[in-house]
PDB file of all heavy atoms in Angstrom:
ATOM      1  N   SER A   1      13.833  -1.245  -7.228  1.00  0.00           N
ATOM      2  CA  SER A   1      14.122   0.177  -7.285  1.00  0.00           C
ATOM      3  C   SER A   1      13.744   0.718  -8.658  1.00  0.00           C
ATOM      4  O   SER A   1      13.853   0.014  -9.664  1.00  0.00           O
ATOM      5  CB  SER A   1      15.608   0.445  -7.031  1.00  0.00           C
ATOM      6  OG  SER A   1      16.011  -0.018  -5.762  1.00  0.00           O
ATOM      7  N   CYS A   2      13.327   1.965  -8.690  1.00  0.00           N
ATOM      8  CA  CYS A   2      12.992   2.631  -9.939  1.00  0.00           C
ATOM      9  C   CYS A   2      13.430   4.082  -9.847  1.00  0.00           C
ATOM     10  O   CYS A   2      12.910   4.840  -9.023  1.00  0.00           O
ATOM     11  CB  CYS A   2      11.490   2.539 -10.216  1.00  0.00           C
ATOM     12  SG  CYS A   2      10.924   3.496 -11.638  1.00  0.00           S
ATOM     13  N   ALA A   3      14.381   4.449 -10.682  1.00  0.00           N
ATOM     14  CA  ALA A   3      14.865   5.821 -10.745  1.00  0.00           C
ATOM     15  C   ALA A   3      14.210   6.535 -11.916  1.00  0.00           C
ATOM     16  O   ALA A   3      14.219   6.025 -13.042  1.00  0.00           O
ATOM     17  CB  ALA A   3      16.381   5.840 -10.887  1.00  0.00           C
ATOM     18  N   ALA A   4      13.651   7.698 -11.660  1.00  0.00           N
ATOM     19  CA  ALA A   4      12.922   8.457 -12.667  1.00  0.00           C
ATOM     20  C   ALA A   4      13.586   9.796 -12.941  1.00  0.00           C
ATOM     21  O   ALA A   4      14.387  10.288 -12.145  1.00  0.00           O
ATOM     22  CB  ALA A   4      11.479   8.680 -12.230  1.00  0.00           C
ATOM     23  N   SER A   5      13.240  10.388 -14.071  1.00  0.00           N
ATOM     24  CA  SER A   5      13.681  11.739 -14.370  1.00  0.00           C
ATOM     25  C   SER A   5      13.134  12.685 -13.310  1.00  0.00           C
ATOM     26  O   SER A   5      11.962  12.615 -12.934  1.00  0.00           O
ATOM     27  CB  SER A   5      13.201  12.172 -15.746  1.00  0.00           C
ATOM     28  OG  SER A   5      13.717  11.320 -16.753  1.00  0.00           O
ATOM     29  N   GLY A   6      13.976  13.584 -12.844  1.00  0.00           N
ATOM     30  CA  GLY A   6      13.585  14.475 -11.766  1.00  0.00           C
ATOM     31  C   GLY A   6      12.405  15.364 -12.102  1.00  0.00           C
ATOM     32  O   GLY A   6      11.578  15.667 -11.237  1.00  0.00           O
ATOM     33  N   SER A   7      12.300  15.785 -13.345  1.00  0.00           N
ATOM     34  CA  SER A   7      11.237  16.696 -13.745  1.00  0.00           C
ATOM     35  C   SER A   7       9.852  16.087 -13.555  1.00  0.00           C
ATOM     36  O   SER A   7       8.897  16.797 -13.257  1.00  0.00           O
ATOM     37  CB  SER A   7      11.433  17.128 -15.193  1.00  0.00           C
ATOM     38  OG  SER A   7      11.425  16.016 -16.061  1.00  0.00           O
ATOM     39  N   ILE A   8       9.732  14.783 -13.740  1.00  0.00           N
ATOM     40  CA  ILE A   8       8.445  14.123 -13.579  1.00  0.00           C
ATOM     41  C   ILE A   8       8.290  13.548 -12.174  1.00  0.00           C
ATOM     42  O   ILE A   8       7.197  13.557 -11.605  1.00  0.00           O
ATOM     43  CB  ILE A   8       8.238  13.028 -14.653  1.00  0.00           C
ATOM     44  CG1 ILE A   8       6.775  12.568 -14.659  1.00  0.00           C
ATOM     45  CG2 ILE A   8       9.173  11.852 -14.457  1.00  0.00           C
ATOM     46  CD1 ILE A   8       5.784  13.652 -15.044  1.00  0.00           C
ATOM     47  N   PHE A   9       9.376  13.058 -11.597  1.00  0.00           N
ATOM     48  CA  PHE A   9       9.312  12.468 -10.269  1.00  0.00           C
ATOM     49  C   PHE A   9       8.807  13.475  -9.239  1.00  0.00           C
ATOM     50  O   PHE A   9       8.008  13.140  -8.364  1.00  0.00           O
ATOM     51  CB  PHE A   9      10.680  11.934  -9.858  1.00  0.00           C
ATOM     52  CG  PHE A   9      10.674  11.145  -8.576  1.00  0.00           C
ATOM     53  CD1 PHE A   9      10.474   9.779  -8.589  1.00  0.00           C
ATOM     54  CD2 PHE A   9      10.873  11.777  -7.359  1.00  0.00           C
ATOM     55  CE1 PHE A   9      10.467   9.045  -7.417  1.00  0.00           C
ATOM     56  CE2 PHE A   9      10.867  11.064  -6.175  1.00  0.00           C
ATOM     57  CZ  PHE A   9      10.660   9.691  -6.206  1.00  0.00           C
ATOM     58  N   ARG A  10       9.267  14.698  -9.344  1.00  0.00           N
ATOM     59  CA  ARG A  10       8.958  15.731  -8.364  1.00  0.00           C
ATOM     60  C   ARG A  10       7.458  15.983  -8.240  1.00  0.00           C
ATOM     61  O   ARG A  10       6.981  16.360  -7.158  1.00  0.00           O
ATOM     62  CB  ARG A  10       9.678  17.018  -8.757  1.00  0.00           C
ATOM     63  CG  ARG A  10       9.480  18.182  -7.809  1.00  0.00           C
ATOM     64  CD  ARG A  10      10.319  19.380  -8.243  1.00  0.00           C
ATOM     65  NE  ARG A  10       9.970  19.829  -9.584  1.00  0.00           N
ATOM     66  CZ  ARG A  10       8.996  20.679  -9.866  1.00  0.00           C
ATOM     67  NH1 ARG A  10       8.243  21.181  -8.883  1.00  0.00           N
ATOM     68  NH2 ARG A  10       8.756  21.035 -11.119  1.00  0.00           N
ATOM     69  N   VAL A  11       6.704  15.801  -9.310  1.00  0.00           N
ATOM     70  CA  VAL A  11       5.285  16.147  -9.322  1.00  0.00           C
ATOM     71  C   VAL A  11       4.370  14.935  -9.461  1.00  0.00           C
ATOM     72  O   VAL A  11       3.155  15.104  -9.586  1.00  0.00           O
ATOM     73  CB  VAL A  11       4.976  17.147 -10.454  1.00  0.00           C
ATOM     74  CG1 VAL A  11       5.773  18.434 -10.253  1.00  0.00           C
ATOM     75  CG2 VAL A  11       5.266  16.538 -11.810  1.00  0.00           C
ATOM     76  N   SER A  12       4.919  13.731  -9.408  1.00  0.00           N
ATOM     77  CA  SER A  12       4.142  12.544  -9.740  1.00  0.00           C
ATOM     78  C   SER A  12       3.894  11.624  -8.559  1.00  0.00           C
ATOM     79  O   SER A  12       4.741  11.467  -7.677  1.00  0.00           O
ATOM     80  CB  SER A  12       4.844  11.737 -10.834  1.00  0.00           C
ATOM     81  OG  SER A  12       4.903  12.453 -12.047  1.00  0.00           O
ATOM     82  N   THR A  13       2.716  11.013  -8.585  1.00  0.00           N
ATOM     83  CA  THR A  13       2.488   9.821  -7.785  1.00  0.00           C
ATOM     84  C   THR A  13       3.235   8.665  -8.445  1.00  0.00           C
ATOM     85  O   THR A  13       3.134   8.475  -9.658  1.00  0.00           O
ATOM     86  CB  THR A  13       0.992   9.503  -7.696  1.00  0.00           C
ATOM     87  OG1 THR A  13       0.334  10.533  -6.958  1.00  0.00           O
ATOM     88  CG2 THR A  13       0.755   8.167  -7.002  1.00  0.00           C
ATOM     89  N   MET A  14       3.980   7.922  -7.656  1.00  0.00           N
ATOM     90  CA  MET A  14       4.732   6.782  -8.162  1.00  0.00           C
ATOM     91  C   MET A  14       4.038   5.490  -7.745  1.00  0.00           C
ATOM     92  O   MET A  14       3.399   5.420  -6.696  1.00  0.00           O
ATOM     93  CB  MET A  14       6.153   6.791  -7.628  1.00  0.00           C
ATOM     94  CG  MET A  14       6.944   8.050  -7.950  1.00  0.00           C
ATOM     95  SD  MET A  14       7.150   8.330  -9.739  1.00  0.00           S
ATOM     96  CE  MET A  14       8.101   6.869 -10.193  1.00  0.00           C
ATOM     97  N   GLY A  15       4.192   4.471  -8.575  1.00  0.00           N
ATOM     98  CA  GLY A  15       3.540   3.218  -8.258  1.00  0.00           C
ATOM     99  C   GLY A  15       4.243   2.014  -8.841  1.00  0.00           C
ATOM    100  O   GLY A  15       5.105   2.132  -9.714  1.00  0.00           O
ATOM    101  N   TRP A  16       3.856   0.878  -8.314  1.00  0.00           N
ATOM    102  CA  TRP A  16       4.291  -0.407  -8.841  1.00  0.00           C
ATOM    103  C   TRP A  16       3.070  -1.209  -9.260  1.00  0.00           C
ATOM    104  O   TRP A  16       2.079  -1.286  -8.516  1.00  0.00           O
ATOM    105  CB  TRP A  16       5.098  -1.199  -7.805  1.00  0.00           C
ATOM    106  CG  TRP A  16       6.438  -0.616  -7.511  1.00  0.00           C
ATOM    107  CD1 TRP A  16       6.772   0.230  -6.504  1.00  0.00           C
ATOM    108  CD2 TRP A  16       7.644  -0.856  -8.245  1.00  0.00           C
ATOM    109  NE1 TRP A  16       8.108   0.545  -6.559  1.00  0.00           N
ATOM    110  CE2 TRP A  16       8.667  -0.107  -7.617  1.00  0.00           C
ATOM    111  CE3 TRP A  16       7.958  -1.620  -9.358  1.00  0.00           C
ATOM    112  CZ2 TRP A  16       9.981  -0.113  -8.081  1.00  0.00           C
ATOM    113  CZ3 TRP A  16       9.268  -1.619  -9.819  1.00  0.00           C
ATOM    114  CH2 TRP A  16      10.258  -0.872  -9.182  1.00  0.00           C
ATOM    115  N   TYR A  17       3.142  -1.794 -10.438  1.00  0.00           N
ATOM    116  CA  TYR A  17       2.112  -2.663 -10.973  1.00  0.00           C
ATOM    117  C   TYR A  17       2.757  -3.985 -11.357  1.00  0.00           C
ATOM    118  O   TYR A  17       3.972  -4.056 -11.534  1.00  0.00           O
ATOM    119  CB  TYR A  17       1.443  -2.033 -12.197  1.00  0.00           C
ATOM    120  CG  TYR A  17       0.636  -0.786 -11.891  1.00  0.00           C
ATOM    121  CD1 TYR A  17       1.264   0.413 -11.573  1.00  0.00           C
ATOM    122  CD2 TYR A  17      -0.758  -0.815 -11.928  1.00  0.00           C
ATOM    123  CE1 TYR A  17       0.532   1.550 -11.296  1.00  0.00           C
ATOM    124  CE2 TYR A  17      -1.498   0.325 -11.657  1.00  0.00           C
ATOM    125  CZ  TYR A  17      -0.846   1.500 -11.344  1.00  0.00           C
ATOM    126  OH  TYR A  17      -1.577   2.628 -11.072  1.00  0.00           O
ATOM    127  N   ARG A  18       1.950  -5.011 -11.496  1.00  0.00           N
ATOM    128  CA  ARG A  18       2.495  -6.294 -11.906  1.00  0.00           C
ATOM    129  C   ARG A  18       1.517  -7.018 -12.822  1.00  0.00           C
ATOM    130  O   ARG A  18       0.310  -6.796 -12.765  1.00  0.00           O
ATOM    131  CB  ARG A  18       2.832  -7.176 -10.701  1.00  0.00           C
ATOM    132  CG  ARG A  18       1.628  -7.635  -9.888  1.00  0.00           C
ATOM    133  CD  ARG A  18       2.085  -8.350  -8.621  1.00  0.00           C
ATOM    134  NE  ARG A  18       0.965  -8.856  -7.844  1.00  0.00           N
ATOM    135  CZ  ARG A  18       1.074  -9.401  -6.640  1.00  0.00           C
ATOM    136  NH1 ARG A  18       2.276  -9.502  -6.057  1.00  0.00           N
ATOM    137  NH2 ARG A  18       0.000  -9.844  -6.001  1.00  0.00           N
ATOM    138  N   GLN A  19       2.077  -7.868 -13.653  1.00  0.00           N
ATOM    139  CA  GLN A  19       1.273  -8.649 -14.577  1.00  0.00           C
ATOM    140  C   GLN A  19       1.848 -10.059 -14.672  1.00  0.00           C
ATOM    141  O   GLN A  19       2.997 -10.239 -15.058  1.00  0.00           O
ATOM    142  CB  GLN A  19       1.225  -8.005 -15.958  1.00  0.00           C
ATOM    143  CG  GLN A  19       0.266  -8.688 -16.914  1.00  0.00           C
ATOM    144  CD  GLN A  19       0.033  -7.872 -18.171  1.00  0.00           C
ATOM    145  OE1 GLN A  19       0.867  -7.073 -18.574  1.00  0.00           O
ATOM    146  NE2 GLN A  19      -1.111  -8.075 -18.799  1.00  0.00           N
ATOM    147  N   ALA A  20       1.036 -11.026 -14.309  1.00  0.00           N
ATOM    148  CA  ALA A  20       1.399 -12.429 -14.432  1.00  0.00           C
ATOM    149  C   ALA A  20       0.870 -12.962 -15.755  1.00  0.00           C
ATOM    150  O   ALA A  20      -0.089 -12.420 -16.315  1.00  0.00           O
ATOM    151  CB  ALA A  20       0.822 -13.227 -13.268  1.00  0.00           C
ATOM    152  N   PRO A  21       1.470 -14.030 -16.280  1.00  0.00           N
ATOM    153  CA  PRO A  21       1.000 -14.597 -17.545  1.00  0.00           C
ATOM    154  C   PRO A  21      -0.483 -14.944 -17.498  1.00  0.00           C
ATOM    155  O   PRO A  21      -0.954 -15.572 -16.554  1.00  0.00           O
ATOM    156  CB  PRO A  21       1.855 -15.850 -17.705  1.00  0.00           C
ATOM    157  CG  PRO A  21       3.102 -15.552 -16.950  1.00  0.00           C
ATOM    158  CD  PRO A  21       2.653 -14.741 -15.770  1.00  0.00           C
ATOM    159  N   GLY A  22      -1.218 -14.506 -18.509  1.00  0.00           N
ATOM    160  CA  GLY A  22      -2.635 -14.797 -18.594  1.00  0.00           C
ATOM    161  C   GLY A  22      -3.516 -13.971 -17.690  1.00  0.00           C
ATOM    162  O   GLY A  22      -4.723 -14.235 -17.609  1.00  0.00           O
ATOM    163  N   LYS A  23      -2.965 -12.973 -17.013  1.00  0.00           N
ATOM    164  CA  LYS A  23      -3.737 -12.154 -16.091  1.00  0.00           C
ATOM    165  C   LYS A  23      -3.637 -10.678 -16.459  1.00  0.00           C
ATOM    166  O   LYS A  23      -2.744 -10.257 -17.191  1.00  0.00           O
ATOM    167  CB  LYS A  23      -3.268 -12.358 -14.656  1.00  0.00           C
ATOM    168  CG  LYS A  23      -3.365 -13.790 -14.166  1.00  0.00           C
ATOM    169  CD  LYS A  23      -3.100 -13.892 -12.677  1.00  0.00           C
ATOM    170  CE  LYS A  23      -4.231 -13.256 -11.882  1.00  0.00           C
ATOM    171  NZ  LYS A  23      -4.038 -13.432 -10.417  1.00  0.00           N
ATOM    172  N   GLN A  24      -4.575  -9.906 -15.944  1.00  0.00           N
ATOM    173  CA  GLN A  24      -4.569  -8.465 -16.142  1.00  0.00           C
ATOM    174  C   GLN A  24      -3.456  -7.813 -15.323  1.00  0.00           C
ATOM    175  O   GLN A  24      -3.066  -8.313 -14.269  1.00  0.00           O
ATOM    176  CB  GLN A  24      -5.914  -7.863 -15.724  1.00  0.00           C
ATOM    177  CG  GLN A  24      -7.115  -8.343 -16.513  1.00  0.00           C
ATOM    178  CD  GLN A  24      -7.237  -7.644 -17.816  1.00  0.00           C
ATOM    179  OE1 GLN A  24      -7.175  -8.264 -18.874  1.00  0.00           O
ATOM    180  NE2 GLN A  24      -7.399  -6.327 -17.788  1.00  0.00           N
ATOM    181  N   ARG A  25      -2.969  -6.693 -15.825  1.00  0.00           N
ATOM    182  CA  ARG A  25      -2.045  -5.903 -15.031  1.00  0.00           C
ATOM    183  C   ARG A  25      -2.795  -5.341 -13.824  1.00  0.00           C
ATOM    184  O   ARG A  25      -3.906  -4.828 -13.958  1.00  0.00           O
ATOM    185  CB  ARG A  25      -1.447  -4.778 -15.862  1.00  0.00           C
ATOM    186  CG  ARG A  25      -0.406  -3.963 -15.120  1.00  0.00           C
ATOM    187  CD  ARG A  25       0.233  -2.897 -16.004  1.00  0.00           C
ATOM    188  NE  ARG A  25       0.949  -3.483 -17.130  1.00  0.00           N
ATOM    189  CZ  ARG A  25       1.688  -2.776 -17.989  1.00  0.00           C
ATOM    190  NH1 ARG A  25       1.813  -1.465 -17.832  1.00  0.00           N
ATOM    191  NH2 ARG A  25       2.295  -3.384 -18.991  1.00  0.00           N
ATOM    192  N   GLU A  26      -2.188  -5.434 -12.656  1.00  0.00           N
ATOM    193  CA  GLU A  26      -2.837  -4.985 -11.440  1.00  0.00           C
ATOM    194  C   GLU A  26      -1.944  -4.053 -10.640  1.00  0.00           C
ATOM    195  O   GLU A  26      -0.717  -4.149 -10.671  1.00  0.00           O
ATOM    196  CB  GLU A  26      -3.245  -6.179 -10.565  1.00  0.00           C
ATOM    197  CG  GLU A  26      -2.075  -6.995 -10.042  1.00  0.00           C
ATOM    198  CD  GLU A  26      -2.499  -8.117  -9.115  1.00  0.00           C
ATOM    199  OE1 GLU A  26      -3.695  -8.208  -8.775  1.00  0.00           O
ATOM    200  OE2 GLU A  26      -1.621  -8.919  -8.720  1.00  0.00           O
ATOM    201  N   LEU A  27      -2.593  -3.163  -9.916  1.00  0.00           N
ATOM    202  CA  LEU A  27      -1.883  -2.249  -9.037  1.00  0.00           C
ATOM    203  C   LEU A  27      -1.356  -3.000  -7.827  1.00  0.00           C
ATOM    204  O   LEU A  27      -2.071  -3.807  -7.230  1.00  0.00           O
ATOM    205  CB  LEU A  27      -2.811  -1.112  -8.597  1.00  0.00           C
ATOM    206  CG  LEU A  27      -2.212  -0.013  -7.718  1.00  0.00           C
ATOM    207  CD1 LEU A  27      -2.902   1.313  -8.005  1.00  0.00           C
ATOM    208  CD2 LEU A  27      -2.353  -0.354  -6.244  1.00  0.00           C
ATOM    209  N   VAL A  28      -0.114  -2.736  -7.472  1.00  0.00           N
ATOM    210  CA  VAL A  28       0.494  -3.303  -6.276  1.00  0.00           C
ATOM    211  C   VAL A  28       0.527  -2.272  -5.156  1.00  0.00           C
ATOM    212  O   VAL A  28       0.066  -2.526  -4.043  1.00  0.00           O
ATOM    213  CB  VAL A  28       1.910  -3.823  -6.551  1.00  0.00           C
ATOM    214  CG1 VAL A  28       2.560  -4.339  -5.269  1.00  0.00           C
ATOM    215  CG2 VAL A  28       1.879  -4.914  -7.615  1.00  0.00           C
ATOM    216  N   ALA A  29       1.075  -1.093  -5.441  1.00  0.00           N
ATOM    217  CA  ALA A  29       1.194  -0.047  -4.437  1.00  0.00           C
ATOM    218  C   ALA A  29       1.459   1.282  -5.110  1.00  0.00           C
ATOM    219  O   ALA A  29       2.048   1.331  -6.189  1.00  0.00           O
ATOM    220  CB  ALA A  29       2.316  -0.361  -3.440  1.00  0.00           C
ATOM    221  N   THR A  30       1.032   2.364  -4.466  1.00  0.00           N
ATOM    222  CA  THR A  30       1.335   3.709  -4.936  1.00  0.00           C
ATOM    223  C   THR A  30       1.762   4.572  -3.762  1.00  0.00           C
ATOM    224  O   THR A  30       1.446   4.283  -2.611  1.00  0.00           O
ATOM    225  CB  THR A  30       0.137   4.381  -5.629  1.00  0.00           C
ATOM    226  OG1 THR A  30      -0.959   4.500  -4.715  1.00  0.00           O
ATOM    227  CG2 THR A  30      -0.299   3.588  -6.851  1.00  0.00           C
ATOM    228  N   ILE A  31       2.465   5.640  -4.080  1.00  0.00           N
ATOM    229  CA  ILE A  31       2.864   6.611  -3.070  1.00  0.00           C
ATOM    230  C   ILE A  31       2.858   7.993  -3.701  1.00  0.00           C
ATOM    231  O   ILE A  31       3.409   8.200  -4.780  1.00  0.00           O
ATOM    232  CB  ILE A  31       4.244   6.257  -2.463  1.00  0.00           C
ATOM    233  CG1 ILE A  31       4.618   7.244  -1.349  1.00  0.00           C
ATOM    234  CG2 ILE A  31       5.321   6.181  -3.540  1.00  0.00           C
ATOM    235  CD1 ILE A  31       5.816   6.780  -0.523  1.00  0.00           C
ATOM    236  N   THR A  32       2.222   8.948  -3.027  1.00  0.00           N
ATOM    237  CA  THR A  32       2.125  10.298  -3.553  1.00  0.00           C
ATOM    238  C   THR A  32       3.399  11.076  -3.270  1.00  0.00           C
ATOM    239  O   THR A  32       4.320  10.596  -2.610  1.00  0.00           O
ATOM    240  CB  THR A  32       0.934  11.051  -2.946  1.00  0.00           C
ATOM    241  OG1 THR A  32       1.201  11.345  -1.563  1.00  0.00           O
ATOM    242  CG2 THR A  32      -0.346  10.236  -3.042  1.00  0.00           C
ATOM    243  N   THR A  33       3.427  12.308  -3.765  1.00  0.00           N
ATOM    244  CA  THR A  33       4.591  13.157  -3.563  1.00  0.00           C
ATOM    245  C   THR A  33       4.838  13.481  -2.098  1.00  0.00           C
ATOM    246  O   THR A  33       5.964  13.812  -1.730  1.00  0.00           O
ATOM    247  CB  THR A  33       4.451  14.468  -4.344  1.00  0.00           C
ATOM    248  OG1 THR A  33       3.241  15.124  -3.961  1.00  0.00           O
ATOM    249  CG2 THR A  33       4.440  14.201  -5.846  1.00  0.00           C
ATOM    250  N   ILE A  34       3.797  13.393  -1.274  1.00  0.00           N
ATOM    251  CA  ILE A  34       3.952  13.677   0.145  1.00  0.00           C
ATOM    252  C   ILE A  34       3.920  12.422   1.004  1.00  0.00           C
ATOM    253  O   ILE A  34       3.809  12.506   2.230  1.00  0.00           O
ATOM    254  CB  ILE A  34       2.904  14.688   0.646  1.00  0.00           C
ATOM    255  CG1 ILE A  34       1.489  14.159   0.445  1.00  0.00           C
ATOM    256  CG2 ILE A  34       3.093  16.031  -0.048  1.00  0.00           C
ATOM    257  CD1 ILE A  34       0.433  15.013   1.131  1.00  0.00           C
ATOM    258  N   GLY A  35       3.999  11.258   0.381  1.00  0.00           N
ATOM    259  CA  GLY A  35       4.168  10.036   1.131  1.00  0.00           C
ATOM    260  C   GLY A  35       2.912   9.288   1.524  1.00  0.00           C
ATOM    261  O   GLY A  35       2.983   8.381   2.371  1.00  0.00           O
ATOM    262  N   VAL A  36       1.769   9.629   0.940  1.00  0.00           N
ATOM    263  CA  VAL A  36       0.551   8.876   1.198  1.00  0.00           C
ATOM    264  C   VAL A  36       0.583   7.586   0.389  1.00  0.00           C
ATOM    265  O   VAL A  36       0.779   7.616  -0.826  1.00  0.00           O
ATOM    266  CB  VAL A  36      -0.700   9.689   0.855  1.00  0.00           C
ATOM    267  CG1 VAL A  36      -1.964   8.867   1.092  1.00  0.00           C
ATOM    268  CG2 VAL A  36      -0.743  10.963   1.686  1.00  0.00           C
ATOM    269  N   ARG A  37       0.379   6.452   1.054  1.00  0.00           N
ATOM    270  CA  ARG A  37       0.538   5.143   0.430  1.00  0.00           C
ATOM    271  C   ARG A  37      -0.784   4.424   0.244  1.00  0.00           C
ATOM    272  O   ARG A  37      -1.715   4.570   1.031  1.00  0.00           O
ATOM    273  CB  ARG A  37       1.462   4.274   1.280  1.00  0.00           C
ATOM    274  CG  ARG A  37       2.879   4.810   1.405  1.00  0.00           C
ATOM    275  CD  ARG A  37       3.649   4.044   2.468  1.00  0.00           C
ATOM    276  NE  ARG A  37       5.054   4.431   2.523  1.00  0.00           N
ATOM    277  CZ  ARG A  37       5.521   5.469   3.204  1.00  0.00           C
ATOM    278  NH1 ARG A  37       4.686   6.252   3.889  1.00  0.00           N
ATOM    279  NH2 ARG A  37       6.816   5.737   3.202  1.00  0.00           N
ATOM    280  N   ASN A  38      -0.836   3.623  -0.798  1.00  0.00           N
ATOM    281  CA  ASN A  38      -1.979   2.774  -1.079  1.00  0.00           C
ATOM    282  C   ASN A  38      -1.463   1.420  -1.530  1.00  0.00           C
ATOM    283  O   ASN A  38      -0.523   1.351  -2.326  1.00  0.00           O
ATOM    284  CB  ASN A  38      -2.866   3.395  -2.153  1.00  0.00           C
ATOM    285  CG  ASN A  38      -4.124   2.593  -2.401  1.00  0.00           C
ATOM    286  OD1 ASN A  38      -4.800   2.179  -1.469  1.00  0.00           O
ATOM    287  ND2 ASN A  38      -4.447   2.374  -3.674  1.00  0.00           N
ATOM    288  N   TYR A  39      -2.085   0.337  -1.016  1.00  0.00           N
ATOM    289  CA  TYR A  39      -1.640  -1.016  -1.328  1.00  0.00           C
ATOM    290  C   TYR A  39      -2.788  -1.878  -1.792  1.00  0.00           C
ATOM    291  O   TYR A  39      -3.927  -1.723  -1.338  1.00  0.00           O
ATOM    292  CB  TYR A  39      -1.024  -1.692  -0.095  1.00  0.00           C
ATOM    293  CG  TYR A  39       0.233  -1.065   0.424  1.00  0.00           C
ATOM    294  CD1 TYR A  39       0.205  -0.151   1.468  1.00  0.00           C
ATOM    295  CD2 TYR A  39       1.472  -1.409  -0.117  1.00  0.00           C
ATOM    296  CE1 TYR A  39       1.370   0.413   1.957  1.00  0.00           C
ATOM    297  CE2 TYR A  39       2.639  -0.847   0.366  1.00  0.00           C
ATOM    298  CZ  TYR A  39       2.580   0.066   1.406  1.00  0.00           C
ATOM    299  OH  TYR A  39       3.748   0.620   1.891  1.00  0.00           O
ATOM    300  N   ALA A  40      -2.472  -2.805  -2.682  1.00  0.00           N
ATOM    301  CA  ALA A  40      -3.419  -3.862  -2.984  1.00  0.00           C
ATOM    302  C   ALA A  40      -3.593  -4.735  -1.746  1.00  0.00           C
ATOM    303  O   ALA A  40      -2.648  -4.952  -0.982  1.00  0.00           O
ATOM    304  CB  ALA A  40      -2.921  -4.710  -4.151  1.00  0.00           C
ATOM    305  N   GLN A  41      -4.800  -5.231  -1.551  1.00  0.00           N
ATOM    306  CA  GLN A  41      -5.081  -6.061  -0.387  1.00  0.00           C
ATOM    307  C   GLN A  41      -4.161  -7.275  -0.319  1.00  0.00           C
ATOM    308  O   GLN A  41      -3.756  -7.695   0.771  1.00  0.00           O
ATOM    309  CB  GLN A  41      -6.541  -6.510  -0.396  1.00  0.00           C
ATOM    310  CG  GLN A  41      -6.967  -7.273   0.852  1.00  0.00           C
ATOM    311  CD  GLN A  41      -6.919  -6.419   2.103  1.00  0.00           C
ATOM    312  OE1 GLN A  41      -7.245  -5.238   2.076  1.00  0.00           O
ATOM    313  NE2 GLN A  41      -6.498  -7.020   3.216  1.00  0.00           N
ATOM    314  N   SER A  42      -3.808  -7.818  -1.460  1.00  0.00           N
ATOM    315  CA  SER A  42      -3.011  -9.033  -1.503  1.00  0.00           C
ATOM    316  C   SER A  42      -1.581  -8.859  -0.997  1.00  0.00           C
ATOM    317  O   SER A  42      -0.913  -9.850  -0.686  1.00  0.00           O
ATOM    318  CB  SER A  42      -2.975  -9.587  -2.933  1.00  0.00           C
ATOM    319  OG  SER A  42      -2.397  -8.651  -3.820  1.00  0.00           O
TER     320      SER A  42
END
């Protein structure tokens, strides 16, 4: 779970990223303000 300030949450695409040791930070998933989702293939 991630709770954000309302002023930014209301207008922002939200996402989750992850970084394993020795690896680049990678996108996991995003969701727009209207619920459009995008996922990493993995």
